[in-house]
PDB file of all heavy atoms in Angstrom:
ATOM      1  N   SER A   1     -11.559 -58.713  79.265  1.00  0.00           N
ATOM      2  CA  SER A   1     -11.306 -58.240  77.860  1.00  0.00           C
ATOM      3  C   SER A   1      -9.881 -57.958  77.676  1.00  0.00           C
ATOM      4  O   SER A   1      -9.290 -57.096  78.266  1.00  0.00           O
ATOM      5  CB  SER A   1     -12.164 -57.054  77.564  1.00  0.00           C
ATOM      6  OG  SER A   1     -13.552 -57.287  77.640  1.00  0.00           O
ATOM      7  N   LEU A   2      -9.225 -58.773  76.773  1.00  0.00           N
ATOM      8  CA  LEU A   2      -7.820 -58.579  76.454  1.00  0.00           C
ATOM      9  C   LEU A   2      -7.710 -58.559  74.950  1.00  0.00           C
ATOM     10  O   LEU A   2      -7.894 -59.542  74.254  1.00  0.00           O
ATOM     11  CB  LEU A   2      -6.938 -59.734  76.988  1.00  0.00           C
ATOM     12  CG  LEU A   2      -6.734 -59.806  78.507  1.00  0.00           C
ATOM     13  CD1 LEU A   2      -5.877 -61.023  78.869  1.00  0.00           C
ATOM     14  CD2 LEU A   2      -6.130 -58.550  79.078  1.00  0.00           C
ATOM     15  N   ASP A   3      -7.371 -57.341  74.387  1.00  0.00           N
ATOM     16  CA  ASP A   3      -7.342 -57.221  72.976  1.00  0.00           C
ATOM     17  C   ASP A   3      -5.919 -56.958  72.427  1.00  0.00           C
ATOM     18  O   ASP A   3      -5.732 -56.433  71.354  1.00  0.00           O
ATOM     19  CB  ASP A   3      -8.227 -56.079  72.538  1.00  0.00           C
ATOM     20  CG  ASP A   3      -9.684 -56.305  72.926  1.00  0.00           C
ATOM     21  OD1 ASP A   3     -10.132 -57.452  72.834  1.00  0.00           O
ATOM     22  OD2 ASP A   3     -10.377 -55.328  73.283  1.00  0.00           O
ATOM     23  N   GLY A   4      -4.933 -57.344  73.235  1.00  0.00           N
ATOM     24  CA  GLY A   4      -3.534 -57.195  72.786  1.00  0.00           C
ATOM     25  C   GLY A   4      -2.656 -57.961  73.779  1.00  0.00           C
ATOM     26  O   GLY A   4      -2.939 -58.070  74.989  1.00  0.00           O
ATOM     27  N   ALA A   5      -1.541 -58.456  73.275  1.00  0.00           N
ATOM     28  CA  ALA A   5      -0.610 -59.233  74.086  1.00  0.00           C
ATOM     29  C   ALA A   5       0.649 -58.525  74.493  1.00  0.00           C
ATOM     30  O   ALA A   5       1.483 -59.068  75.261  1.00  0.00           O
ATOM     31  CB  ALA A   5      -0.228 -60.557  73.372  1.00  0.00           C
ATOM     32  N   THR A   6       0.774 -57.301  74.005  1.00  0.00           N
ATOM     33  CA  THR A   6       1.888 -56.476  74.345  1.00  0.00           C
ATOM     34  C   THR A   6       1.338 -55.135  74.967  1.00  0.00           C
ATOM     35  O   THR A   6       0.265 -54.737  74.608  1.00  0.00           O
ATOM     36  CB  THR A   6       2.798 -56.141  73.165  1.00  0.00           C
ATOM     37  OG1 THR A   6       2.099 -55.379  72.216  1.00  0.00           O
ATOM     38  CG2 THR A   6       3.298 -57.444  72.466  1.00  0.00           C
ATOM     39  N   PRO A   7       2.112 -54.541  75.774  1.00  0.00           N
ATOM     40  CA  PRO A   7       1.631 -53.238  76.392  1.00  0.00           C
ATOM     41  C   PRO A   7       1.266 -52.215  75.310  1.00  0.00           C
ATOM     42  O   PRO A   7       0.248 -51.532  75.463  1.00  0.00           O
ATOM     43  CB  PRO A   7       2.837 -52.809  77.223  1.00  0.00           C
ATOM     44  CG  PRO A   7       3.499 -54.030  77.653  1.00  0.00           C
ATOM     45  CD  PRO A   7       3.403 -54.932  76.464  1.00  0.00           C
ATOM     46  N   GLU A   8       2.096 -52.167  74.253  1.00  0.00           N
ATOM     47  CA  GLU A   8       1.773 -51.199  73.188  1.00  0.00           C
ATOM     48  C   GLU A   8       0.530 -51.504  72.417  1.00  0.00           C
ATOM     49  O   GLU A   8      -0.298 -50.643  72.163  1.00  0.00           O
ATOM     50  CB  GLU A   8       3.037 -51.093  72.285  1.00  0.00           C
ATOM     51  CG  GLU A   8       4.340 -50.660  72.919  1.00  0.00           C
ATOM     52  CD  GLU A   8       4.963 -51.779  73.694  1.00  0.00           C
ATOM     53  OE1 GLU A   8       4.620 -52.984  73.445  1.00  0.00           O
ATOM     54  OE2 GLU A   8       5.847 -51.445  74.609  1.00  0.00           O
ATOM     55  N   GLY A   9       0.406 -52.783  72.012  1.00  0.00           N
ATOM     56  CA  GLY A   9      -0.736 -53.230  71.243  1.00  0.00           C
ATOM     57  C   GLY A   9      -2.037 -53.119  72.026  1.00  0.00           C
ATOM     58  O   GLY A   9      -3.102 -52.759  71.509  1.00  0.00           O
ATOM     59  N   PHE A  10      -1.967 -53.484  73.312  1.00  0.00           N
ATOM     60  CA  PHE A  10      -3.118 -53.383  74.178  1.00  0.00           C
ATOM     61  C   PHE A  10      -3.552 -51.968  74.354  1.00  0.00           C
ATOM     62  O   PHE A  10      -4.783 -51.670  74.239  1.00  0.00           O
ATOM     63  CB  PHE A  10      -2.744 -54.032  75.566  1.00  0.00           C
ATOM     64  CG  PHE A  10      -3.928 -54.073  76.521  1.00  0.00           C
ATOM     65  CD1 PHE A  10      -4.872 -55.126  76.440  1.00  0.00           C
ATOM     66  CD2 PHE A  10      -4.078 -53.080  77.487  1.00  0.00           C
ATOM     67  CE1 PHE A  10      -5.924 -55.134  77.352  1.00  0.00           C
ATOM     68  CE2 PHE A  10      -5.118 -53.149  78.345  1.00  0.00           C
ATOM     69  CZ  PHE A  10      -6.072 -54.159  78.288  1.00  0.00           C
ATOM     70  N   ALA A  11      -2.622 -51.077  74.665  1.00  0.00           N
ATOM     71  CA  ALA A  11      -2.925 -49.643  74.837  1.00  0.00           C
ATOM     72  C   ALA A  11      -3.455 -49.016  73.594  1.00  0.00           C
ATOM     73  O   ALA A  11      -4.207 -48.018  73.640  1.00  0.00           O
ATOM     74  CB  ALA A  11      -1.735 -48.913  75.366  1.00  0.00           C
ATOM     75  N   ASP A  12      -3.159 -49.579  72.429  1.00  0.00           N
ATOM     76  CA  ASP A  12      -3.615 -48.999  71.161  1.00  0.00           C
ATOM     77  C   ASP A  12      -5.133 -49.225  71.031  1.00  0.00           C
ATOM     78  O   ASP A  12      -5.810 -48.444  70.304  1.00  0.00           O
ATOM     79  CB  ASP A  12      -2.894 -49.724  69.987  1.00  0.00           C
ATOM     80  CG  ASP A  12      -3.273 -49.141  68.618  1.00  0.00           C
ATOM     81  OD1 ASP A  12      -3.260 -47.903  68.508  1.00  0.00           O
ATOM     82  OD2 ASP A  12      -3.496 -49.910  67.686  1.00  0.00           O
ATOM     83  N   VAL A  13      -5.689 -50.224  71.651  1.00  0.00           N
ATOM     84  CA  VAL A  13      -7.121 -50.527  71.574  1.00  0.00           C
ATOM     85  C   VAL A  13      -7.844 -50.037  72.795  1.00  0.00           C
ATOM     86  O   VAL A  13      -8.863 -49.324  72.713  1.00  0.00           O
ATOM     87  CB  VAL A  13      -7.352 -52.039  71.414  1.00  0.00           C
ATOM     88  CG1 VAL A  13      -8.833 -52.309  71.337  1.00  0.00           C
ATOM     89  CG2 VAL A  13      -6.677 -52.564  70.167  1.00  0.00           C
ATOM     90  N   ARG A  14      -7.346 -50.335  73.962  1.00  0.00           N
ATOM     91  CA  ARG A  14      -7.988 -50.009  75.202  1.00  0.00           C
ATOM     92  C   ARG A  14      -7.340 -48.838  75.866  1.00  0.00           C
ATOM     93  O   ARG A  14      -6.461 -48.917  76.747  1.00  0.00           O
ATOM     94  CB  ARG A  14      -7.995 -51.200  76.177  1.00  0.00           C
ATOM     95  CG  ARG A  14      -8.734 -52.372  75.573  1.00  0.00           C
ATOM     96  CD  ARG A  14      -9.160 -53.413  76.561  1.00  0.00           C
ATOM     97  NE  ARG A  14     -10.284 -54.183  75.954  1.00  0.00           N
ATOM     98  CZ  ARG A  14     -11.579 -53.985  76.166  1.00  0.00           C
ATOM     99  NH1 ARG A  14     -11.900 -53.051  77.039  1.00  0.00           N
ATOM    100  NH2 ARG A  14     -12.500 -54.709  75.558  1.00  0.00           N
ATOM    101  N   LEU A  15      -7.742 -47.635  75.439  1.00  0.00           N
ATOM    102  CA  LEU A  15      -7.126 -46.428  75.805  1.00  0.00           C
ATOM    103  C   LEU A  15      -7.431 -46.155  77.288  1.00  0.00           C
ATOM    104  O   LEU A  15      -8.586 -46.168  77.757  1.00  0.00           O
ATOM    105  CB  LEU A  15      -7.687 -45.247  74.952  1.00  0.00           C
ATOM    106  CG  LEU A  15      -7.588 -45.401  73.471  1.00  0.00           C
ATOM    107  CD1 LEU A  15      -8.119 -44.195  72.689  1.00  0.00           C
ATOM    108  CD2 LEU A  15      -6.175 -45.751  73.015  1.00  0.00           C
ATOM    109  N   GLY A  16      -6.357 -45.974  78.006  1.00  0.00           N
ATOM    110  CA  GLY A  16      -6.504 -45.723  79.473  1.00  0.00           C
ATOM    111  C   GLY A  16      -6.131 -46.938  80.323  1.00  0.00           C
ATOM    112  O   GLY A  16      -6.158 -46.774  81.571  1.00  0.00           O
ATOM    113  N   ALA A  17      -5.877 -48.026  79.727  1.00  0.00           N
ATOM    114  CA  ALA A  17      -5.594 -49.278  80.503  1.00  0.00           C
ATOM    115  C   ALA A  17      -4.115 -49.652  80.233  1.00  0.00           C
ATOM    116  O   ALA A  17      -3.502 -49.346  79.172  1.00  0.00           O
ATOM    117  CB  ALA A  17      -6.462 -50.413  80.112  1.00  0.00           C
ATOM    118  N   GLU A  18      -3.506 -50.346  81.222  1.00  0.00           N
ATOM    119  CA  GLU A  18      -2.092 -50.805  81.101  1.00  0.00           C
ATOM    120  C   GLU A  18      -2.157 -52.336  81.298  1.00  0.00           C
ATOM    121  O   GLU A  18      -2.584 -52.858  82.288  1.00  0.00           O
ATOM    122  CB  GLU A  18      -1.256 -50.181  82.206  1.00  0.00           C
ATOM    123  CG  GLU A  18      -1.171 -48.646  82.069  1.00  0.00           C
ATOM    124  CD  GLU A  18      -0.285 -48.062  83.144  1.00  0.00           C
ATOM    125  OE1 GLU A  18       0.363 -48.811  83.905  1.00  0.00           O
ATOM    126  OE2 GLU A  18      -0.187 -46.799  83.247  1.00  0.00           O
ATOM    127  N   LEU A  19      -1.660 -53.030  80.197  1.00  0.00           N
ATOM    128  CA  LEU A  19      -1.685 -54.479  80.204  1.00  0.00           C
ATOM    129  C   LEU A  19      -0.935 -55.109  81.405  1.00  0.00           C
ATOM    130  O   LEU A  19      -1.485 -56.061  82.052  1.00  0.00           O
ATOM    131  CB  LEU A  19      -1.061 -54.999  78.946  1.00  0.00           C
ATOM    132  CG  LEU A  19      -1.052 -56.536  78.781  1.00  0.00           C
ATOM    133  CD1 LEU A  19      -2.513 -57.104  78.805  1.00  0.00           C
ATOM    134  CD2 LEU A  19      -0.294 -56.943  77.486  1.00  0.00           C
ATOM    135  N   PRO A  20       0.290 -54.636  81.824  1.00  0.00           N
ATOM    136  CA  PRO A  20       0.963 -55.259  82.952  1.00  0.00           C
ATOM    137  C   PRO A  20       0.109 -55.242  84.225  1.00  0.00           C
ATOM    138  O   PRO A  20       0.149 -56.191  85.028  1.00  0.00           O
ATOM    139  CB  PRO A  20       2.227 -54.445  83.090  1.00  0.00           C
ATOM    140  CG  PRO A  20       2.491 -53.862  81.705  1.00  0.00           C
ATOM    141  CD  PRO A  20       1.157 -53.631  81.154  1.00  0.00           C
ATOM    142  N   VAL A  21      -0.595 -54.171  84.461  1.00  0.00           N
ATOM    143  CA  VAL A  21      -1.426 -54.042  85.664  1.00  0.00           C
ATOM    144  C   VAL A  21      -2.533 -55.116  85.619  1.00  0.00           C
ATOM    145  O   VAL A  21      -2.831 -55.797  86.594  1.00  0.00           O
ATOM    146  CB  VAL A  21      -2.031 -52.654  85.740  1.00  0.00           C
ATOM    147  CG1 VAL A  21      -3.018 -52.578  86.921  1.00  0.00           C
ATOM    148  CG2 VAL A  21      -0.911 -51.607  85.959  1.00  0.00           C
ATOM    149  N   ILE A  22      -3.165 -55.264  84.451  1.00  0.00           N
ATOM    150  CA  ILE A  22      -4.272 -56.246  84.338  1.00  0.00           C
ATOM    151  C   ILE A  22      -3.753 -57.624  84.498  1.00  0.00           C
ATOM    152  O   ILE A  22      -4.430 -58.489  85.196  1.00  0.00           O
ATOM    153  CB  ILE A  22      -4.987 -56.055  83.030  1.00  0.00           C
ATOM    154  CG1 ILE A  22      -5.691 -54.688  82.993  1.00  0.00           C
ATOM    155  CG2 ILE A  22      -6.016 -57.154  82.779  1.00  0.00           C
ATOM    156  CD1 ILE A  22      -6.219 -54.278  81.741  1.00  0.00           C
ATOM    157  N   ILE A  23      -2.605 -57.963  83.913  1.00  0.00           N
ATOM    158  CA  ILE A  23      -2.055 -59.269  84.024  1.00  0.00           C
ATOM    159  C   ILE A  23      -1.669 -59.602  85.498  1.00  0.00           C
ATOM    160  O   ILE A  23      -1.927 -60.682  86.006  1.00  0.00           O
ATOM    161  CB  ILE A  23      -0.890 -59.466  83.156  1.00  0.00           C
ATOM    162  CG1 ILE A  23      -1.219 -59.278  81.654  1.00  0.00           C
ATOM    163  CG2 ILE A  23      -0.188 -60.821  83.342  1.00  0.00           C
ATOM    164  CD1 ILE A  23      -2.319 -60.191  81.194  1.00  0.00           C
ATOM    165  N   GLU A  24      -1.160 -58.635  86.168  1.00  0.00           N
ATOM    166  CA  GLU A  24      -0.828 -58.768  87.583  1.00  0.00           C
ATOM    167  C   GLU A  24      -2.093 -59.038  88.373  1.00  0.00           C
ATOM    168  O   GLU A  24      -2.147 -59.886  89.264  1.00  0.00           O
ATOM    169  CB  GLU A  24      -0.114 -57.570  88.123  1.00  0.00           C
ATOM    170  CG  GLU A  24       0.288 -57.642  89.603  1.00  0.00           C
ATOM    171  CD  GLU A  24       0.899 -56.355  90.101  1.00  0.00           C
ATOM    172  OE1 GLU A  24       1.239 -55.454  89.264  1.00  0.00           O
ATOM    173  OE2 GLU A  24       1.055 -56.192  91.334  1.00  0.00           O
ATOM    174  N   ASN A  25      -3.142 -58.347  88.068  1.00  0.00           N
ATOM    175  CA  ASN A  25      -4.431 -58.552  88.771  1.00  0.00           C
ATOM    176  C   ASN A  25      -4.992 -59.978  88.544  1.00  0.00           C
ATOM    177  O   ASN A  25      -5.498 -60.584  89.468  1.00  0.00           O
ATOM    178  CB  ASN A  25      -5.477 -57.490  88.279  1.00  0.00           C
ATOM    179  CG  ASN A  25      -5.190 -56.095  88.691  1.00  0.00           C
ATOM    180  OD1 ASN A  25      -4.327 -55.800  89.582  1.00  0.00           O
ATOM    181  ND2 ASN A  25      -5.811 -55.119  88.018  1.00  0.00           N
ATOM    182  N   LEU A  26      -4.890 -60.441  87.311  1.00  0.00           N
ATOM    183  CA  LEU A  26      -5.397 -61.759  86.998  1.00  0.00           C
ATOM    184  C   LEU A  26      -4.550 -62.855  87.652  1.00  0.00           C
ATOM    185  O   LEU A  26      -5.105 -63.884  88.119  1.00  0.00           O
ATOM    186  CB  LEU A  26      -5.478 -61.944  85.491  1.00  0.00           C
ATOM    187  CG  LEU A  26      -6.450 -61.117  84.754  1.00  0.00           C
ATOM    188  CD1 LEU A  26      -6.304 -61.206  83.260  1.00  0.00           C
ATOM    189  CD2 LEU A  26      -7.874 -61.553  85.176  1.00  0.00           C
ATOM    190  N   ARG A  27      -3.193 -62.688  87.712  1.00  0.00           N
ATOM    191  CA  ARG A  27      -2.343 -63.624  88.345  1.00  0.00           C
ATOM    192  C   ARG A  27      -2.610 -63.694  89.852  1.00  0.00           C
ATOM    193  O   ARG A  27      -2.528 -64.757  90.482  1.00  0.00           O
ATOM    194  CB  ARG A  27      -0.932 -63.340  88.010  1.00  0.00           C
ATOM    195  CG  ARG A  27      -0.533 -63.651  86.565  1.00  0.00           C
ATOM    196  CD  ARG A  27       0.849 -63.194  86.167  1.00  0.00           C
ATOM    197  NE  ARG A  27       1.166 -63.630  84.807  1.00  0.00           N
ATOM    198  CZ  ARG A  27       2.208 -63.172  84.137  1.00  0.00           C
ATOM    199  NH1 ARG A  27       3.053 -62.231  84.669  1.00  0.00           N
ATOM    200  NH2 ARG A  27       2.434 -63.572  82.874  1.00  0.00           N
ATOM    201  N   ARG A  28      -2.879 -62.533  90.428  1.00  0.00           N
ATOM    202  CA  ARG A  28      -3.258 -62.500  91.841  1.00  0.00           C
ATOM    203  C   ARG A  28      -4.578 -63.249  92.067  1.00  0.00           C
ATOM    204  O   ARG A  28      -4.651 -64.056  93.025  1.00  0.00           O
ATOM    205  CB  ARG A  28      -3.358 -61.049  92.308  1.00  0.00           C
ATOM    206  CG  ARG A  28      -3.780 -60.970  93.801  1.00  0.00           C
ATOM    207  CD  ARG A  28      -3.656 -59.489  94.287  1.00  0.00           C
ATOM    208  NE  ARG A  28      -4.505 -58.636  93.536  1.00  0.00           N
ATOM    209  CZ  ARG A  28      -4.104 -57.424  93.050  1.00  0.00           C
ATOM    210  NH1 ARG A  28      -2.905 -57.020  93.279  1.00  0.00           N
ATOM    211  NH2 ARG A  28      -4.956 -56.674  92.323  1.00  0.00           N
ATOM    212  N   LEU A  29      -5.569 -63.035  91.198  1.00  0.00           N
ATOM    213  CA  LEU A  29      -6.781 -63.802  91.341  1.00  0.00           C
ATOM    214  C   LEU A  29      -6.573 -65.282  91.228  1.00  0.00           C
ATOM    215  O   LEU A  29      -7.101 -66.083  92.016  1.00  0.00           O
ATOM    216  CB  LEU A  29      -7.753 -63.381  90.207  1.00  0.00           C
ATOM    217  CG  LEU A  29      -8.984 -64.241  89.976  1.00  0.00           C
ATOM    218  CD1 LEU A  29      -9.903 -64.226  91.147  1.00  0.00           C
ATOM    219  CD2 LEU A  29      -9.766 -63.728  88.752  1.00  0.00           C
ATOM    220  N   PHE A  30      -5.710 -65.700  90.339  1.00  0.00           N
ATOM    221  CA  PHE A  30      -5.323 -67.050  90.122  1.00  0.00           C
ATOM    222  C   PHE A  30      -4.781 -67.680  91.399  1.00  0.00           C
ATOM    223  O   PHE A  30      -5.144 -68.831  91.708  1.00  0.00           O
ATOM    224  CB  PHE A  30      -4.323 -67.205  88.956  1.00  0.00           C
ATOM    225  CG  PHE A  30      -3.857 -68.557  88.712  1.00  0.00           C
ATOM    226  CD1 PHE A  30      -4.657 -69.537  88.184  1.00  0.00           C
ATOM    227  CD2 PHE A  30      -2.494 -68.884  88.884  1.00  0.00           C
ATOM    228  CE1 PHE A  30      -4.228 -70.851  87.947  1.00  0.00           C
ATOM    229  CE2 PHE A  30      -2.016 -70.186  88.625  1.00  0.00           C
ATOM    230  CZ  PHE A  30      -2.897 -71.138  88.213  1.00  0.00           C
ATOM    231  N   LYS A  31      -3.936 -66.959  92.084  1.00  0.00           N
ATOM    232  CA  LYS A  31      -3.326 -67.435  93.287  1.00  0.00           C
ATOM    233  C   LYS A  31      -4.288 -67.414  94.533  1.00  0.00           C
ATOM    234  O   LYS A  31      -4.167 -68.259  95.445  1.00  0.00           O
ATOM    235  CB  LYS A  31      -2.074 -66.638  93.647  1.00  0.00           C
ATOM    236  CG  LYS A  31      -0.929 -66.759  92.649  1.00  0.00           C
ATOM    237  CD  LYS A  31       0.230 -65.931  93.000  1.00  0.00           C
ATOM    238  CE  LYS A  31       1.350 -66.027  91.941  1.00  0.00           C
ATOM    239  NZ  LYS A  31       2.487 -65.105  92.252  1.00  0.00           N
ATOM    240  N   MET A  32      -5.210 -66.502  94.513  1.00  0.00           N
ATOM    241  CA  MET A  32      -6.129 -66.257  95.677  1.00  0.00           C
ATOM    242  C   MET A  32      -7.285 -67.288  95.675  1.00  0.00           C
ATOM    243  O   MET A  32      -7.906 -67.493  96.740  1.00  0.00           O
ATOM    244  CB  MET A  32      -6.640 -64.860  95.708  1.00  0.00           C
ATOM    245  CG  MET A  32      -5.633 -63.830  96.067  1.00  0.00           C
ATOM    246  SD  MET A  32      -6.302 -62.129  95.930  1.00  0.00           S
ATOM    247  CE  MET A  32      -7.549 -62.142  97.200  1.00  0.00           C
ATOM    248  N   ARG A  33      -7.604 -67.855  94.568  1.00  0.00           N
ATOM    249  CA  ARG A  33      -8.681 -68.829  94.503  1.00  0.00           C
ATOM    250  C   ARG A  33      -8.401 -70.053  95.373  1.00  0.00           C
ATOM    251  O   ARG A  33      -7.247 -70.393  95.657  1.00  0.00           O
ATOM    252  CB  ARG A  33      -8.987 -69.275  93.058  1.00  0.00           C
ATOM    253  CG  ARG A  33      -9.385 -68.175  92.172  1.00  0.00           C
ATOM    254  CD  ARG A  33      -9.727 -68.708  90.761  1.00  0.00           C
ATOM    255  NE  ARG A  33      -8.581 -69.436  90.224  1.00  0.00           N
ATOM    256  CZ  ARG A  33      -8.612 -70.008  89.017  1.00  0.00           C
ATOM    257  NH1 ARG A  33      -9.585 -69.933  88.223  1.00  0.00           N
ATOM    258  NH2 ARG A  33      -7.497 -70.700  88.615  1.00  0.00           N
ATOM    259  N   GLY A  34      -9.439 -70.710  95.817  1.00  0.00           N
ATOM    260  CA  GLY A  34      -9.287 -71.921  96.611  1.00  0.00           C
ATOM    261  C   GLY A  34      -8.689 -73.046  95.843  1.00  0.00           C
ATOM    262  O   GLY A  34      -8.643 -73.083  94.617  1.00  0.00           O
ATOM    263  N   PRO A  35      -8.279 -74.116  96.540  1.00  0.00           N
ATOM    264  CA  PRO A  35      -7.678 -75.289  95.883  1.00  0.00           C
ATOM    265  C   PRO A  35      -8.768 -76.081  95.143  1.00  0.00           C
ATOM    266  O   PRO A  35      -9.947 -75.919  95.417  1.00  0.00           O
ATOM    267  CB  PRO A  35      -7.091 -76.067  97.028  1.00  0.00           C
ATOM    268  CG  PRO A  35      -7.889 -75.666  98.216  1.00  0.00           C
ATOM    269  CD  PRO A  35      -8.253 -74.257  98.061  1.00  0.00           C
ATOM    270  N   GLY A  36      -8.301 -77.020  94.327  1.00  0.00           N
ATOM    271  CA  GLY A  36      -9.227 -77.879  93.584  1.00  0.00           C
ATOM    272  C   GLY A  36      -8.916 -77.887  92.121  1.00  0.00           C
ATOM    273  O   GLY A  36      -8.153 -77.092  91.595  1.00  0.00           O
ATOM    274  N   HIS A  37      -9.609 -78.787  91.380  1.00  0.00           N
ATOM    275  CA  HIS A  37      -9.349 -78.902  89.925  1.00  0.00           C
ATOM    276  C   HIS A  37      -9.898 -77.697  89.176  1.00  0.00           C
ATOM    277  O   HIS A  37      -9.357 -77.249  88.200  1.00  0.00           O
ATOM    278  CB  HIS A  37      -9.976 -80.201  89.391  1.00  0.00           C
ATOM    279  CG  HIS A  37      -9.279 -81.424  89.886  1.00  0.00           C
ATOM    280  ND1 HIS A  37      -7.992 -81.727  89.494  1.00  0.00           N
ATOM    281  CD2 HIS A  37      -9.686 -82.448  90.653  1.00  0.00           C
ATOM    282  CE1 HIS A  37      -7.680 -82.878  90.085  1.00  0.00           C
ATOM    283  NE2 HIS A  37      -8.655 -83.338  90.770  1.00  0.00           N
ATOM    284  N   PHE A  38     -11.067 -77.241  89.606  1.00  0.00           N
ATOM    285  CA  PHE A  38     -11.710 -76.077  88.938  1.00  0.00           C
ATOM    286  C   PHE A  38     -12.162 -75.034  89.953  1.00  0.00           C
ATOM    287  O   PHE A  38     -13.324 -74.839  90.202  1.00  0.00           O
ATOM    288  CB  PHE A  38     -12.913 -76.589  88.148  1.00  0.00           C
ATOM    289  CG  PHE A  38     -12.605 -77.629  87.104  1.00  0.00           C
ATOM    290  CD1 PHE A  38     -12.960 -78.951  87.294  1.00  0.00           C
ATOM    291  CD2 PHE A  38     -11.917 -77.312  85.976  1.00  0.00           C
ATOM    292  CE1 PHE A  38     -12.668 -79.943  86.403  1.00  0.00           C
ATOM    293  CE2 PHE A  38     -11.536 -78.302  85.056  1.00  0.00           C
ATOM    294  CZ  PHE A  38     -11.926 -79.574  85.240  1.00  0.00           C
TER     295      PHE A  38
END
């Protein structure tokens, strides 16, 4: 669930969450997945 594209806008909706942390988590997931088209 991503309801904002900036830290300020995101925090305005999802109280208690920090967008940079979530983006970092997703980019790590992206790198950790196995190779392949999908």
